[in-house]
PDB file of all heavy atoms in Angstrom:
ATOM      1  N   ALA A   1      26.180 -48.481 -45.056  1.00  0.00           N
ATOM      2  CA  ALA A   1      26.480 -47.126 -45.515  1.00  0.00           C
ATOM      3  C   ALA A   1      27.579 -46.511 -44.668  1.00  0.00           C
ATOM      4  O   ALA A   1      27.514 -46.534 -43.432  1.00  0.00           O
ATOM      5  CB  ALA A   1      25.230 -46.260 -45.458  1.00  0.00           C
ATOM      6  N   LEU A   2      28.589 -45.954 -45.324  1.00  0.00           N
ATOM      7  CA  LEU A   2      29.668 -45.268 -44.625  1.00  0.00           C
ATOM      8  C   LEU A   2      29.322 -43.787 -44.524  1.00  0.00           C
ATOM      9  O   LEU A   2      29.114 -43.121 -45.542  1.00  0.00           O
ATOM     10  CB  LEU A   2      30.999 -45.460 -45.368  1.00  0.00           C
ATOM     11  CG  LEU A   2      32.240 -45.057 -44.570  1.00  0.00           C
ATOM     12  CD1 LEU A   2      32.477 -46.044 -43.423  1.00  0.00           C
ATOM     13  CD2 LEU A   2      33.471 -45.012 -45.473  1.00  0.00           C
ATOM     14  N   ASP A   3      29.265 -43.297 -43.310  1.00  0.00           N
ATOM     15  CA  ASP A   3      28.866 -41.918 -43.059  1.00  0.00           C
ATOM     16  C   ASP A   3      30.080 -40.993 -43.105  1.00  0.00           C
ATOM     17  O   ASP A   3      30.853 -40.906 -42.162  1.00  0.00           O
ATOM     18  CB  ASP A   3      28.188 -41.824 -41.688  1.00  0.00           C
ATOM     19  CG  ASP A   3      27.774 -40.403 -41.331  1.00  0.00           C
ATOM     20  OD1 ASP A   3      27.828 -39.530 -42.213  1.00  0.00           O
ATOM     21  OD2 ASP A   3      27.403 -40.180 -40.159  1.00  0.00           O
ATOM     22  N   LEU A   4      30.200 -40.272 -44.217  1.00  0.00           N
ATOM     23  CA  LEU A   4      31.245 -39.256 -44.355  1.00  0.00           C
ATOM     24  C   LEU A   4      30.647 -37.854 -44.198  1.00  0.00           C
ATOM     25  O   LEU A   4      31.340 -36.853 -44.375  1.00  0.00           O
ATOM     26  CB  LEU A   4      31.911 -39.375 -45.736  1.00  0.00           C
ATOM     27  CG  LEU A   4      32.488 -40.745 -46.078  1.00  0.00           C
ATOM     28  CD1 LEU A   4      33.004 -40.773 -47.513  1.00  0.00           C
ATOM     29  CD2 LEU A   4      33.594 -41.123 -45.106  1.00  0.00           C
ATOM     30  N   GLY A   5      29.346 -37.811 -43.844  1.00  0.00           N
ATOM     31  CA  GLY A   5      28.591 -36.576 -43.761  1.00  0.00           C
ATOM     32  C   GLY A   5      27.239 -36.783 -44.419  1.00  0.00           C
ATOM     33  O   GLY A   5      26.732 -35.930 -45.136  1.00  0.00           O
ATOM     34  N   ILE A   6      26.652 -37.943 -44.167  1.00  0.00           N
ATOM     35  CA  ILE A   6      25.477 -38.398 -44.916  1.00  0.00           C
ATOM     36  C   ILE A   6      24.255 -37.520 -44.656  1.00  0.00           C
ATOM     37  O   ILE A   6      24.017 -37.066 -43.538  1.00  0.00           O
ATOM     38  CB  ILE A   6      25.178 -39.875 -44.590  1.00  0.00           C
ATOM     39  CG1 ILE A   6      24.295 -40.506 -45.653  1.00  0.00           C
ATOM     40  CG2 ILE A   6      24.561 -40.020 -43.199  1.00  0.00           C
ATOM     41  CD1 ILE A   6      24.264 -42.028 -45.590  1.00  0.00           C
ATOM     42  N   LYS A   7      23.477 -37.277 -45.713  1.00  0.00           N
ATOM     43  CA  LYS A   7      22.254 -36.496 -45.618  1.00  0.00           C
ATOM     44  C   LYS A   7      21.077 -37.422 -45.283  1.00  0.00           C
ATOM     45  O   LYS A   7      20.992 -38.544 -45.790  1.00  0.00           O
ATOM     46  CB  LYS A   7      21.987 -35.748 -46.928  1.00  0.00           C
ATOM     47  CG  LYS A   7      23.021 -34.692 -47.240  1.00  0.00           C
ATOM     48  CD  LYS A   7      22.838 -34.108 -48.628  1.00  0.00           C
ATOM     49  CE  LYS A   7      21.565 -33.296 -48.717  1.00  0.00           C
ATOM     50  NZ  LYS A   7      21.414 -32.670 -50.061  1.00  0.00           N
ATOM     51  N   LYS A   8      20.159 -36.921 -44.478  1.00  0.00           N
ATOM     52  CA  LYS A   8      19.028 -37.737 -44.055  1.00  0.00           C
ATOM     53  C   LYS A   8      18.175 -38.192 -45.234  1.00  0.00           C
ATOM     54  O   LYS A   8      17.605 -39.287 -45.209  1.00  0.00           O
ATOM     55  CB  LYS A   8      18.174 -36.964 -43.053  1.00  0.00           C
ATOM     56  CG  LYS A   8      18.828 -36.806 -41.679  1.00  0.00           C
ATOM     57  CD  LYS A   8      17.874 -36.193 -40.675  1.00  0.00           C
ATOM     58  CE  LYS A   8      18.514 -36.164 -39.291  1.00  0.00           C
ATOM     59  NZ  LYS A   8      17.586 -35.645 -38.257  1.00  0.00           N
ATOM     60  N   ASN A   9      18.067 -37.349 -46.270  1.00  0.00           N
ATOM     61  CA  ASN A   9      17.194 -37.726 -47.371  1.00  0.00           C
ATOM     62  C   ASN A   9      17.767 -38.849 -48.223  1.00  0.00           C
ATOM     63  O   ASN A   9      17.023 -39.538 -48.922  1.00  0.00           O
ATOM     64  CB  ASN A   9      16.865 -36.514 -48.248  1.00  0.00           C
ATOM     65  CG  ASN A   9      15.542 -36.673 -48.965  1.00  0.00           C
ATOM     66  OD1 ASN A   9      14.559 -37.107 -48.373  1.00  0.00           O
ATOM     67  ND2 ASN A   9      15.508 -36.340 -50.249  1.00  0.00           N
ATOM     68  N   ILE A  10      19.078 -39.050 -48.192  1.00  0.00           N
ATOM     69  CA  ILE A  10      19.661 -40.223 -48.848  1.00  0.00           C
ATOM     70  C   ILE A  10      19.151 -41.485 -48.164  1.00  0.00           C
ATOM     71  O   ILE A  10      18.740 -42.452 -48.822  1.00  0.00           O
ATOM     72  CB  ILE A  10      21.200 -40.163 -48.804  1.00  0.00           C
ATOM     73  CG1 ILE A  10      21.720 -39.038 -49.705  1.00  0.00           C
ATOM     74  CG2 ILE A  10      21.808 -41.507 -49.210  1.00  0.00           C
ATOM     75  CD1 ILE A  10      23.218 -38.835 -49.633  1.00  0.00           C
ATOM     76  N   LEU A  11      19.159 -41.467 -46.845  1.00  0.00           N
ATOM     77  CA  LEU A  11      18.686 -42.625 -46.088  1.00  0.00           C
ATOM     78  C   LEU A  11      17.190 -42.838 -46.303  1.00  0.00           C
ATOM     79  O   LEU A  11      16.732 -43.977 -46.421  1.00  0.00           O
ATOM     80  CB  LEU A  11      18.988 -42.423 -44.599  1.00  0.00           C
ATOM     81  CG  LEU A  11      20.479 -42.314 -44.251  1.00  0.00           C
ATOM     82  CD1 LEU A  11      20.671 -41.942 -42.788  1.00  0.00           C
ATOM     83  CD2 LEU A  11      21.193 -43.622 -44.555  1.00  0.00           C
ATOM     84  N   ARG A  12      16.432 -41.741 -46.389  1.00  0.00           N
ATOM     85  CA  ARG A  12      14.991 -41.871 -46.658  1.00  0.00           C
ATOM     86  C   ARG A  12      14.750 -42.513 -48.021  1.00  0.00           C
ATOM     87  O   ARG A  12      13.867 -43.371 -48.172  1.00  0.00           O
ATOM     88  CB  ARG A  12      14.316 -40.497 -46.619  1.00  0.00           C
ATOM     89  CG  ARG A  12      14.330 -39.804 -45.265  1.00  0.00           C
ATOM     90  CD  ARG A  12      13.473 -38.546 -45.302  1.00  0.00           C
ATOM     91  NE  ARG A  12      13.768 -37.652 -44.189  1.00  0.00           N
ATOM     92  CZ  ARG A  12      14.423 -36.503 -44.298  1.00  0.00           C
ATOM     93  NH1 ARG A  12      14.865 -36.107 -45.487  1.00  0.00           N
ATOM     94  NH2 ARG A  12      14.647 -35.753 -43.244  1.00  0.00           N
ATOM     95  N   ASN A  13      15.519 -42.088 -49.027  1.00  0.00           N
ATOM     96  CA  ASN A  13      15.349 -42.634 -50.371  1.00  0.00           C
ATOM     97  C   ASN A  13      15.680 -44.111 -50.422  1.00  0.00           C
ATOM     98  O   ASN A  13      14.992 -44.888 -51.107  1.00  0.00           O
ATOM     99  CB  ASN A  13      16.209 -41.856 -51.363  1.00  0.00           C
ATOM    100  CG  ASN A  13      15.500 -40.649 -51.941  1.00  0.00           C
ATOM    101  OD1 ASN A  13      14.829 -40.730 -52.961  1.00  0.00           O
ATOM    102  ND2 ASN A  13      15.636 -39.521 -51.271  1.00  0.00           N
ATOM    103  N   LEU A  14      16.733 -44.525 -49.724  1.00  0.00           N
ATOM    104  CA  LEU A  14      17.085 -45.944 -49.697  1.00  0.00           C
ATOM    105  C   LEU A  14      16.009 -46.745 -48.967  1.00  0.00           C
ATOM    106  O   LEU A  14      15.600 -47.820 -49.430  1.00  0.00           O
ATOM    107  CB  LEU A  14      18.443 -46.126 -49.010  1.00  0.00           C
ATOM    108  CG  LEU A  14      19.668 -45.696 -49.819  1.00  0.00           C
ATOM    109  CD1 LEU A  14      20.919 -45.717 -48.949  1.00  0.00           C
ATOM    110  CD2 LEU A  14      19.870 -46.595 -51.029  1.00  0.00           C
ATOM    111  N   ALA A  15      15.541 -46.215 -47.836  1.00  0.00           N
ATOM    112  CA  ALA A  15      14.517 -46.932 -47.064  1.00  0.00           C
ATOM    113  C   ALA A  15      13.239 -47.105 -47.873  1.00  0.00           C
ATOM    114  O   ALA A  15      12.558 -48.144 -47.773  1.00  0.00           O
ATOM    115  CB  ALA A  15      14.238 -46.193 -45.760  1.00  0.00           C
ATOM    116  N   LYS A  16      12.882 -46.109 -48.696  1.00  0.00           N
ATOM    117  CA  LYS A  16      11.682 -46.199 -49.539  1.00  0.00           C
ATOM    118  C   LYS A  16      11.814 -47.279 -50.605  1.00  0.00           C
ATOM    119  O   LYS A  16      10.806 -47.733 -51.162  1.00  0.00           O
ATOM    120  CB  LYS A  16      11.404 -44.846 -50.199  1.00  0.00           C
ATOM    121  CG  LYS A  16      10.788 -43.821 -49.272  1.00  0.00           C
ATOM    122  CD  LYS A  16      10.280 -42.603 -50.013  1.00  0.00           C
ATOM    123  CE  LYS A  16      11.376 -41.842 -50.702  1.00  0.00           C
ATOM    124  NZ  LYS A  16      10.873 -40.580 -51.323  1.00  0.00           N
ATOM    125  N   LYS A  17      13.052 -47.681 -50.904  1.00  0.00           N
ATOM    126  CA  LYS A  17      13.299 -48.725 -51.900  1.00  0.00           C
ATOM    127  C   LYS A  17      13.373 -50.111 -51.261  1.00  0.00           C
ATOM    128  O   LYS A  17      13.950 -51.036 -51.838  1.00  0.00           O
ATOM    129  CB  LYS A  17      14.595 -48.427 -52.660  1.00  0.00           C
ATOM    130  CG  LYS A  17      14.589 -47.110 -53.423  1.00  0.00           C
ATOM    131  CD  LYS A  17      13.570 -47.086 -54.537  1.00  0.00           C
ATOM    132  CE  LYS A  17      13.628 -45.777 -55.308  1.00  0.00           C
ATOM    133  NZ  LYS A  17      12.592 -45.726 -56.373  1.00  0.00           N
ATOM    134  N   ASP A  18      12.788 -50.258 -50.069  1.00  0.00           N
ATOM    135  CA  ASP A  18      12.769 -51.544 -49.366  1.00  0.00           C
ATOM    136  C   ASP A  18      14.178 -51.966 -48.937  1.00  0.00           C
ATOM    137  O   ASP A  18      14.577 -53.119 -49.103  1.00  0.00           O
ATOM    138  CB  ASP A  18      12.129 -52.623 -50.250  1.00  0.00           C
ATOM    139  CG  ASP A  18      11.668 -53.840 -49.456  1.00  0.00           C
ATOM    140  OD1 ASP A  18      11.479 -53.712 -48.236  1.00  0.00           O
ATOM    141  OD2 ASP A  18      11.521 -54.922 -50.059  1.00  0.00           O
ATOM    142  N   VAL A  19      14.914 -50.983 -48.387  1.00  0.00           N
ATOM    143  CA  VAL A  19      16.286 -51.218 -47.938  1.00  0.00           C
ATOM    144  C   VAL A  19      16.385 -50.966 -46.429  1.00  0.00           C
ATOM    145  O   VAL A  19      15.845 -49.980 -45.914  1.00  0.00           O
ATOM    146  CB  VAL A  19      17.275 -50.295 -48.676  1.00  0.00           C
ATOM    147  CG1 VAL A  19      18.681 -50.419 -48.095  1.00  0.00           C
ATOM    148  CG2 VAL A  19      17.288 -50.618 -50.169  1.00  0.00           C
ATOM    149  N   TYR A  20      17.049 -51.867 -45.750  1.00  0.00           N
ATOM    150  CA  TYR A  20      17.391 -51.690 -44.327  1.00  0.00           C
ATOM    151  C   TYR A  20      18.859 -51.282 -44.270  1.00  0.00           C
ATOM    152  O   TYR A  20      19.722 -51.981 -44.809  1.00  0.00           O
ATOM    153  CB  TYR A  20      17.161 -52.996 -43.573  1.00  0.00           C
ATOM    154  CG  TYR A  20      17.381 -52.928 -42.084  1.00  0.00           C
ATOM    155  CD1 TYR A  20      16.810 -51.922 -41.306  1.00  0.00           C
ATOM    156  CD2 TYR A  20      18.160 -53.894 -41.441  1.00  0.00           C
ATOM    157  CE1 TYR A  20      17.000 -51.880 -39.935  1.00  0.00           C
ATOM    158  CE2 TYR A  20      18.346 -53.869 -40.062  1.00  0.00           C
ATOM    159  CZ  TYR A  20      17.760 -52.854 -39.311  1.00  0.00           C
ATOM    160  OH  TYR A  20      17.955 -52.812 -37.952  1.00  0.00           O
ATOM    161  N   ILE A  21      19.142 -50.140 -43.658  1.00  0.00           N
ATOM    162  CA  ILE A  21      20.484 -49.562 -43.706  1.00  0.00           C
ATOM    163  C   ILE A  21      21.128 -49.566 -42.327  1.00  0.00           C
ATOM    164  O   ILE A  21      20.490 -49.197 -41.334  1.00  0.00           O
ATOM    165  CB  ILE A  21      20.446 -48.108 -44.224  1.00  0.00           C
ATOM    166  CG1 ILE A  21      19.619 -47.997 -45.502  1.00  0.00           C
ATOM    167  CG2 ILE A  21      21.854 -47.573 -44.438  1.00  0.00           C
ATOM    168  CD1 ILE A  21      18.332 -47.220 -45.314  1.00  0.00           C
ATOM    169  N   LYS A  22      22.385 -49.970 -42.291  1.00  0.00           N
ATOM    170  CA  LYS A  22      23.204 -49.763 -41.098  1.00  0.00           C
ATOM    171  C   LYS A  22      24.256 -48.720 -41.458  1.00  0.00           C
ATOM    172  O   LYS A  22      25.026 -48.904 -42.399  1.00  0.00           O
ATOM    173  CB  LYS A  22      23.873 -51.055 -40.632  1.00  0.00           C
ATOM    174  CG  LYS A  22      24.649 -50.868 -39.311  1.00  0.00           C
ATOM    175  CD  LYS A  22      25.174 -52.197 -38.759  1.00  0.00           C
ATOM    176  CE  LYS A  22      25.857 -51.980 -37.409  1.00  0.00           C
ATOM    177  NZ  LYS A  22      26.367 -53.261 -36.834  1.00  0.00           N
ATOM    178  N   VAL A  23      24.241 -47.619 -40.735  1.00  0.00           N
ATOM    179  CA  VAL A  23      25.143 -46.502 -40.999  1.00  0.00           C
ATOM    180  C   VAL A  23      26.356 -46.621 -40.084  1.00  0.00           C
ATOM    181  O   VAL A  23      26.218 -46.717 -38.860  1.00  0.00           O
ATOM    182  CB  VAL A  23      24.434 -45.149 -40.773  1.00  0.00           C
ATOM    183  CG1 VAL A  23      25.365 -44.000 -41.135  1.00  0.00           C
ATOM    184  CG2 VAL A  23      23.153 -45.084 -41.584  1.00  0.00           C
ATOM    185  N   PHE A  24      27.560 -46.604 -40.694  1.00  0.00           N
ATOM    186  CA  PHE A  24      28.806 -46.814 -39.962  1.00  0.00           C
ATOM    187  C   PHE A  24      29.626 -45.528 -39.885  1.00  0.00           C
ATOM    188  O   PHE A  24      29.564 -44.685 -40.794  1.00  0.00           O
ATOM    189  CB  PHE A  24      29.645 -47.894 -40.656  1.00  0.00           C
ATOM    190  CG  PHE A  24      29.093 -49.279 -40.555  1.00  0.00           C
ATOM    191  CD1 PHE A  24      28.140 -49.729 -41.459  1.00  0.00           C
ATOM    192  CD2 PHE A  24      29.526 -50.153 -39.575  1.00  0.00           C
ATOM    193  CE1 PHE A  24      27.628 -51.011 -41.386  1.00  0.00           C
ATOM    194  CE2 PHE A  24      29.024 -51.443 -39.481  1.00  0.00           C
ATOM    195  CZ  PHE A  24      28.074 -51.872 -40.390  1.00  0.00           C
ATOM    196  N   PRO A  25      30.433 -45.372 -38.830  1.00  0.00           N
ATOM    197  CA  PRO A  25      31.351 -44.228 -38.746  1.00  0.00           C
ATOM    198  C   PRO A  25      32.365 -44.254 -39.883  1.00  0.00           C
ATOM    199  O   PRO A  25      32.621 -45.303 -40.488  1.00  0.00           O
ATOM    200  CB  PRO A  25      32.035 -44.424 -37.396  1.00  0.00           C
ATOM    201  CG  PRO A  25      31.153 -45.343 -36.625  1.00  0.00           C
ATOM    202  CD  PRO A  25      30.492 -46.221 -37.632  1.00  0.00           C
ATOM    203  N   TYR A  26      32.952 -43.101 -40.154  1.00  0.00           N
ATOM    204  CA  TYR A  26      33.866 -42.952 -41.293  1.00  0.00           C
ATOM    205  C   TYR A  26      35.079 -43.880 -41.202  1.00  0.00           C
ATOM    206  O   TYR A  26      35.690 -44.214 -42.223  1.00  0.00           O
ATOM    207  CB  TYR A  26      34.354 -41.499 -41.380  1.00  0.00           C
ATOM    208  CG  TYR A  26      35.503 -41.178 -40.466  1.00  0.00           C
ATOM    209  CD1 TYR A  26      36.807 -41.070 -40.954  1.00  0.00           C
ATOM    210  CD2 TYR A  26      35.302 -41.014 -39.093  1.00  0.00           C
ATOM    211  CE1 TYR A  26      37.861 -40.804 -40.109  1.00  0.00           C
ATOM    212  CE2 TYR A  26      36.359 -40.738 -38.245  1.00  0.00           C
ATOM    213  CZ  TYR A  26      37.636 -40.636 -38.756  1.00  0.00           C
ATOM    214  OH  TYR A  26      38.685 -40.374 -37.915  1.00  0.00           O
ATOM    215  N   ASP A  27      35.460 -44.301 -39.996  1.00  0.00           N
ATOM    216  CA  ASP A  27      36.659 -45.128 -39.817  1.00  0.00           C
ATOM    217  C   ASP A  27      36.338 -46.611 -39.650  1.00  0.00           C
ATOM    218  O   ASP A  27      37.169 -47.393 -39.167  1.00  0.00           O
ATOM    219  CB  ASP A  27      37.481 -44.630 -38.629  1.00  0.00           C
ATOM    220  CG  ASP A  27      36.687 -44.580 -37.321  1.00  0.00           C
ATOM    221  OD1 ASP A  27      35.470 -44.833 -37.354  1.00  0.00           O
ATOM    222  OD2 ASP A  27      37.293 -44.286 -36.267  1.00  0.00           O
ATOM    223  N   ALA A  28      35.140 -47.026 -40.069  1.00  0.00           N
ATOM    224  CA  ALA A  28      34.778 -48.443 -39.982  1.00  0.00           C
ATOM    225  C   ALA A  28      35.649 -49.281 -40.919  1.00  0.00           C
ATOM    226  O   ALA A  28      36.150 -48.795 -41.938  1.00  0.00           O
ATOM    227  CB  ALA A  28      33.303 -48.625 -40.340  1.00  0.00           C
ATOM    228  N   THR A  29      35.826 -50.538 -40.574  1.00  0.00           N
ATOM    229  CA  THR A  29      36.605 -51.459 -41.401  1.00  0.00           C
ATOM    230  C   THR A  29      35.675 -52.275 -42.295  1.00  0.00           C
ATOM    231  O   THR A  29      34.459 -52.358 -42.061  1.00  0.00           O
ATOM    232  CB  THR A  29      37.426 -52.420 -40.530  1.00  0.00           C
ATOM    233  OG1 THR A  29      36.513 -53.266 -39.794  1.00  0.00           O
ATOM    234  CG2 THR A  29      38.315 -51.656 -39.553  1.00  0.00           C
ATOM    235  N   TYR A  30      36.267 -52.904 -43.300  1.00  0.00           N
ATOM    236  CA  TYR A  30      35.485 -53.766 -44.183  1.00  0.00           C
ATOM    237  C   TYR A  30      34.873 -54.914 -43.391  1.00  0.00           C
ATOM    238  O   TYR A  30      33.708 -55.284 -43.606  1.00  0.00           O
ATOM    239  CB  TYR A  30      36.364 -54.315 -45.298  1.00  0.00           C
ATOM    240  CG  TYR A  30      35.637 -55.287 -46.200  1.00  0.00           C
ATOM    241  CD1 TYR A  30      34.742 -54.840 -47.166  1.00  0.00           C
ATOM    242  CD2 TYR A  30      35.831 -56.667 -46.074  1.00  0.00           C
ATOM    243  CE1 TYR A  30      34.056 -55.730 -47.983  1.00  0.00           C
ATOM    244  CE2 TYR A  30      35.153 -57.569 -46.887  1.00  0.00           C
ATOM    245  CZ  TYR A  30      34.272 -57.094 -47.840  1.00  0.00           C
ATOM    246  OH  TYR A  30      33.589 -57.982 -48.649  1.00  0.00           O
ATOM    247  N   GLU A  31      35.628 -55.471 -42.461  1.00  0.00           N
ATOM    248  CA  GLU A  31      35.135 -56.595 -41.665  1.00  0.00           C
ATOM    249  C   GLU A  31      33.917 -56.184 -40.835  1.00  0.00           C
ATOM    250  O   GLU A  31      32.936 -56.941 -40.726  1.00  0.00           O
ATOM    251  CB  GLU A  31      36.241 -57.118 -40.751  1.00  0.00           C
ATOM    252  CG  GLU A  31      37.377 -57.843 -41.474  1.00  0.00           C
ATOM    253  CD  GLU A  31      38.284 -56.901 -42.264  1.00  0.00           C
ATOM    254  OE1 GLU A  31      38.338 -55.695 -41.915  1.00  0.00           O
ATOM    255  OE2 GLU A  31      38.917 -57.371 -43.236  1.00  0.00           O
TER     256      GLU A  31
END
């Protein structure tokens, strides 16, 4: 997930769907 101002409840909703999320700074690269 690219954090451009991410809301906590977005992450909660993804986690409830059996998702493990790594949140990256806005200037992260594709690599």
